[in-house]
Protein backbone atom coordinates (compact mmCIF):
# COMPACT_ATOMS: atom_id res chain seq x y z
CA UNK A 1 0.00 0.00 0.00
CA UNK A 2 2.81 2.42 0.84
CA UNK A 3 4.57 1.84 -2.49
CA UNK A 4 1.25 2.26 -4.31
CA UNK A 5 0.58 5.60 -2.62
CA UNK A 6 4.08 6.87 -3.39
CA UNK A 7 3.67 5.94 -7.07
CA UNK A 8 0.28 7.68 -7.19
CA UNK A 9 1.75 10.85 -5.69
CA UNK A 10 4.66 10.84 -8.11
CA UNK A 11 2.72 9.96 -11.26
CA UNK A 12 -0.89 10.83 -10.48
CA UNK A 13 -3.68 8.26 -10.22
CA UNK A 14 -4.21 7.81 -13.95
CA UNK A 15 -0.53 7.26 -14.72
CA UNK A 16 -0.13 5.10 -11.63
CA UNK A 17 -2.97 2.87 -12.84
CA UNK A 18 -1.36 2.63 -16.26
CA UNK A 19 1.98 1.83 -14.62
CA UNK A 20 0.37 -1.06 -12.71
CA UNK A 21 -1.19 -2.39 -15.90
CA UNK A 22 2.13 -2.21 -17.76
CA UNK A 23 3.84 -4.01 -14.89
CA UNK A 24 1.33 -6.87 -14.94
CA UNK A 25 1.34 -7.22 -18.73
CA UNK A 26 5.14 -7.44 -18.97
CA UNK A 27 6.11 -8.92 -15.58
CA UNK A 28 8.22 -5.78 -15.19
CA UNK A 29 8.80 -6.19 -11.45
CA UNK A 30 10.54 -9.52 -11.93
CA UNK A 31 12.61 -8.30 -14.88
CA UNK A 32 13.70 -5.11 -13.11
CA UNK A 33 14.58 -7.02 -9.95
CA UNK A 34 16.82 -9.37 -11.91
CA UNK A 35 18.52 -6.49 -13.70
CA UNK A 36 19.05 -4.61 -10.45
CA UNK A 37 20.63 -7.61 -8.73
CA UNK A 38 22.87 -8.37 -11.70
CA UNK A 39 23.94 -4.74 -12.08
CA UNK A 40 24.50 -4.20 -8.37
CA UNK A 41 26.39 -7.47 -8.06
CA UNK A 42 28.62 -6.58 -11.02
CA UNK A 43 29.25 -3.11 -9.62
CA UNK A 44 30.34 -4.33 -6.19
CA UNK A 45 32.59 -7.10 -7.51
CA UNK A 46 34.17 -4.86 -10.14
CA UNK A 47 35.09 -2.18 -7.62
CA UNK A 48 36.33 -4.70 -5.05
CA UNK A 49 38.57 -6.17 -7.74
CA UNK A 50 39.78 -2.72 -8.74
CA UNK A 51 40.55 -1.72 -5.15
CA UNK A 52 42.45 -4.94 -4.44
CA UNK A 53 44.35 -4.77 -7.71
CA UNK A 54 45.37 -1.18 -7.03
CA UNK A 55 46.71 -2.06 -3.59
CA UNK A 56 48.55 -5.11 -4.87
CA UNK A 57 50.34 -2.88 -7.37
CA UNK A 58 51.69 -0.78 -4.49
CA UNK A 59 51.66 2.35 -6.64
CA UNK A 60 48.08 3.63 -6.53
CA UNK A 61 47.01 6.29 -4.02
CA UNK A 62 43.58 7.11 -2.63
CA UNK A 63 42.86 9.82 -5.22
CA UNK A 64 43.71 7.52 -8.12
CA UNK A 65 41.68 4.65 -6.68
CA UNK A 66 38.63 6.83 -6.06
CA UNK A 67 38.78 8.54 -9.46
CA UNK A 68 39.35 5.29 -11.34
CA UNK A 69 36.60 3.60 -9.34
CA UNK A 70 34.04 6.30 -10.10
CA UNK A 71 34.95 6.24 -13.80
CA UNK A 72 34.69 2.45 -13.80
CA UNK A 73 31.28 2.53 -12.08
CA UNK A 74 29.95 5.05 -14.60
CA UNK A 75 31.33 3.10 -17.53
CA UNK A 76 29.86 -0.12 -16.15
CA UNK A 77 26.50 1.60 -15.72
CA UNK A 78 26.51 2.87 -19.30
CA UNK A 79 27.60 -0.52 -20.62
CA UNK A 80 24.98 -2.37 -18.55
CA UNK A 81 22.17 -0.02 -19.53
CA UNK A 82 23.06 -0.04 -23.20
CA UNK A 83 23.39 -3.82 -23.28
CA UNK A 84 20.11 -4.27 -21.43
CA UNK A 85 18.36 -1.85 -23.81
CA UNK A 86 19.51 -3.76 -26.89
CA UNK A 87 18.63 -7.13 -25.34
CA UNK A 88 15.23 -5.97 -24.07
CA UNK A 89 14.42 -4.21 -27.34
CA UNK A 90 14.50 -7.60 -29.04
CA UNK A 91 12.85 -9.59 -26.23
CA UNK A 92 10.08 -7.09 -25.54
CA UNK A 93 9.33 -6.72 -29.26
CA UNK A 94 8.99 -10.49 -29.64
CA UNK A 95 6.87 -10.77 -26.51
CA UNK A 96 4.57 -7.97 -27.68
CA UNK A 97 4.27 -9.64 -31.10
CA UNK A 98 3.20 -12.92 -29.51
CA UNK A 99 0.55 -11.19 -27.40
CA UNK A 100 -0.73 -9.23 -30.42
CA UNK A 101 -1.10 -12.42 -32.43
CA UNK A 102 -2.88 -14.15 -29.54
CA UNK A 103 -5.34 -11.25 -29.39
CA UNK A 104 -5.62 -11.07 -33.20
CA UNK A 105 -4.27 -7.53 -33.31
CA UNK A 106 -3.25 -6.32 -36.78
CA UNK A 107 0.36 -5.34 -37.44
CA UNK A 108 0.85 -1.60 -37.32
CA UNK A 109 -2.12 -1.12 -35.00
CA UNK A 110 -0.80 0.58 -31.86
CA UNK A 111 -2.27 -0.77 -28.63
CA UNK A 112 -1.67 -1.01 -24.90
CA UNK A 113 0.49 -4.11 -25.40
CA UNK A 114 3.03 -2.16 -27.45
CA UNK A 115 3.05 0.70 -24.96
CA UNK A 116 3.53 -1.72 -22.06
CA UNK A 117 6.48 -3.53 -23.62
CA UNK A 118 8.10 -0.29 -24.76
CA UNK A 119 7.78 1.00 -21.21
CA UNK A 120 9.24 -2.25 -19.80
CA UNK A 121 12.20 -2.00 -22.16
CA UNK A 122 13.03 1.53 -21.03
CA UNK A 123 12.53 0.91 -17.31
CA UNK A 124 14.48 -2.36 -17.17
CA UNK A 125 17.44 -0.91 -19.08
CA UNK A 126 17.40 2.19 -16.85
CA UNK A 127 17.44 -0.01 -13.73
CA UNK A 128 20.37 -2.00 -15.08
CA UNK A 129 22.21 1.23 -15.91
CA UNK A 130 21.72 2.75 -12.46
CA UNK A 131 22.39 -0.32 -10.29
CA UNK A 132 26.21 -0.54 -10.73
CA UNK A 133 26.77 3.11 -9.80
CA UNK A 134 25.77 3.12 -6.08
CA UNK A 135 27.21 -0.39 -5.87
CA UNK A 136 30.57 1.07 -6.88
CA UNK A 137 30.37 4.41 -5.08
CA UNK A 138 29.63 2.98 -1.63
CA UNK A 139 32.77 0.78 -1.39
CA UNK A 140 34.83 3.71 -2.71
CA UNK A 141 33.53 6.25 -0.19
CA UNK A 142 36.02 5.31 2.59
CA UNK A 143 38.81 6.73 0.41
CA UNK A 144 37.29 10.18 0.88
CA UNK A 145 37.85 10.38 4.63
CA UNK A 146 40.12 7.54 5.81
CA UNK A 147 43.81 6.81 5.58
CA UNK A 148 44.61 4.63 2.59
CA UNK A 149 45.30 1.37 4.45
CA UNK A 150 42.22 1.74 6.63
CA UNK A 151 40.13 2.78 3.64
CA UNK A 152 41.21 -0.40 1.86
CA UNK A 153 39.92 -2.59 4.69
CA UNK A 154 36.68 -0.63 5.13
CA UNK A 155 36.11 -0.65 1.38
CA UNK A 156 36.33 -4.42 1.18
CA UNK A 157 34.18 -4.81 4.30
CA UNK A 158 31.58 -2.50 2.74
CA UNK A 159 31.63 -4.58 -0.44
CA UNK A 160 31.08 -7.83 1.46
CA UNK A 161 28.29 -6.23 3.47
CA UNK A 162 26.53 -5.05 0.32
CA UNK A 163 26.83 -8.49 -1.23
CA UNK A 164 25.34 -10.06 1.88
CA UNK A 165 22.44 -7.59 1.92
CA UNK A 166 21.64 -8.28 -1.73
CA UNK A 167 21.77 -12.01 -1.05
CA UNK A 168 19.43 -11.69 1.92
CA UNK A 169 17.03 -9.58 -0.15
CA UNK A 170 16.94 -12.20 -2.88
CA UNK A 171 16.45 -14.91 -0.29
CA UNK A 172 13.46 -13.00 1.07
CA UNK A 173 11.93 -12.71 -2.40
CA UNK A 174 12.48 -16.40 -3.18
CA UNK A 175 11.47 -17.42 0.37
CA UNK A 176 14.68 -19.37 0.82
CA UNK A 177 17.14 -19.37 3.71
CA UNK A 178 18.21 -15.75 4.18
CA UNK A 179 21.61 -16.49 5.68
CA UNK A 180 22.50 -19.02 3.00
CA UNK A 181 21.47 -16.59 0.28
CA UNK A 182 23.61 -13.85 1.81
CA UNK A 183 26.61 -16.12 2.32
CA UNK A 184 26.40 -17.31 -1.31
CA UNK A 185 26.81 -13.74 -2.49
CA UNK A 186 29.69 -13.14 -0.08
CA UNK A 187 31.45 -16.27 -1.35
CA UNK A 188 31.33 -14.82 -4.85
CA UNK A 189 33.19 -11.79 -3.51
CA UNK A 190 35.75 -13.98 -1.76
CA UNK A 191 36.31 -15.99 -4.96
CA UNK A 192 36.76 -12.79 -6.95
CA UNK A 193 39.37 -11.42 -4.57
CA UNK A 194 41.25 -14.72 -4.50
CA UNK A 195 41.41 -14.86 -8.29
CA UNK A 196 42.48 -11.21 -8.53
CA UNK A 197 45.19 -11.83 -5.93
CA UNK A 198 46.50 -14.98 -7.61
CA UNK A 199 46.49 -13.57 -11.14
CA UNK A 200 47.61 -10.04 -10.31
CA UNK A 201 50.50 -8.86 -12.53
CA UNK A 202 52.16 -7.63 -9.30
CA UNK A 203 53.19 -11.24 -8.65
CA UNK A 204 55.02 -11.58 -11.95
């Protein structure tokens, strides 16, 4: 109810009703949730890898790490959003075509189905574009106010915490064990850091 009221205030009742219809027609909530998790997950892991790689090199300072991290997060957001747009443009077009045929709608005849799938394409790609940015900025923020070595530790801890929170959130949605879901995400972070450490050019 709270989310519904917020949407109505932001969009107005007519647009909010249309938004709900579009969401049901295209299963937009599920699609956007998947894109958000994927984008956020990618953003956290990418920045954790960047931070660790920079420290293993022994030459990067806090300013370089923060600047490179922000640029990487933005680039990842653009890449994710663009890729999602191209993928969803095809998928949503095909899905709309199937629904039109099932309802015996003529080609070229604009209807709610087309509007709904066009809306879903734009929203899902926007979600995928935005998700990596806060996921990258949050682990980088310690470099703004902490000494470099301490910032490194807090940055990685922040990354693991974010991964755990995302895992728990997905566990809640899927009604599975929350702790196991969170730990699975954290293990992905651990695996990433181990691989980065082992394959870092600093060792060669």
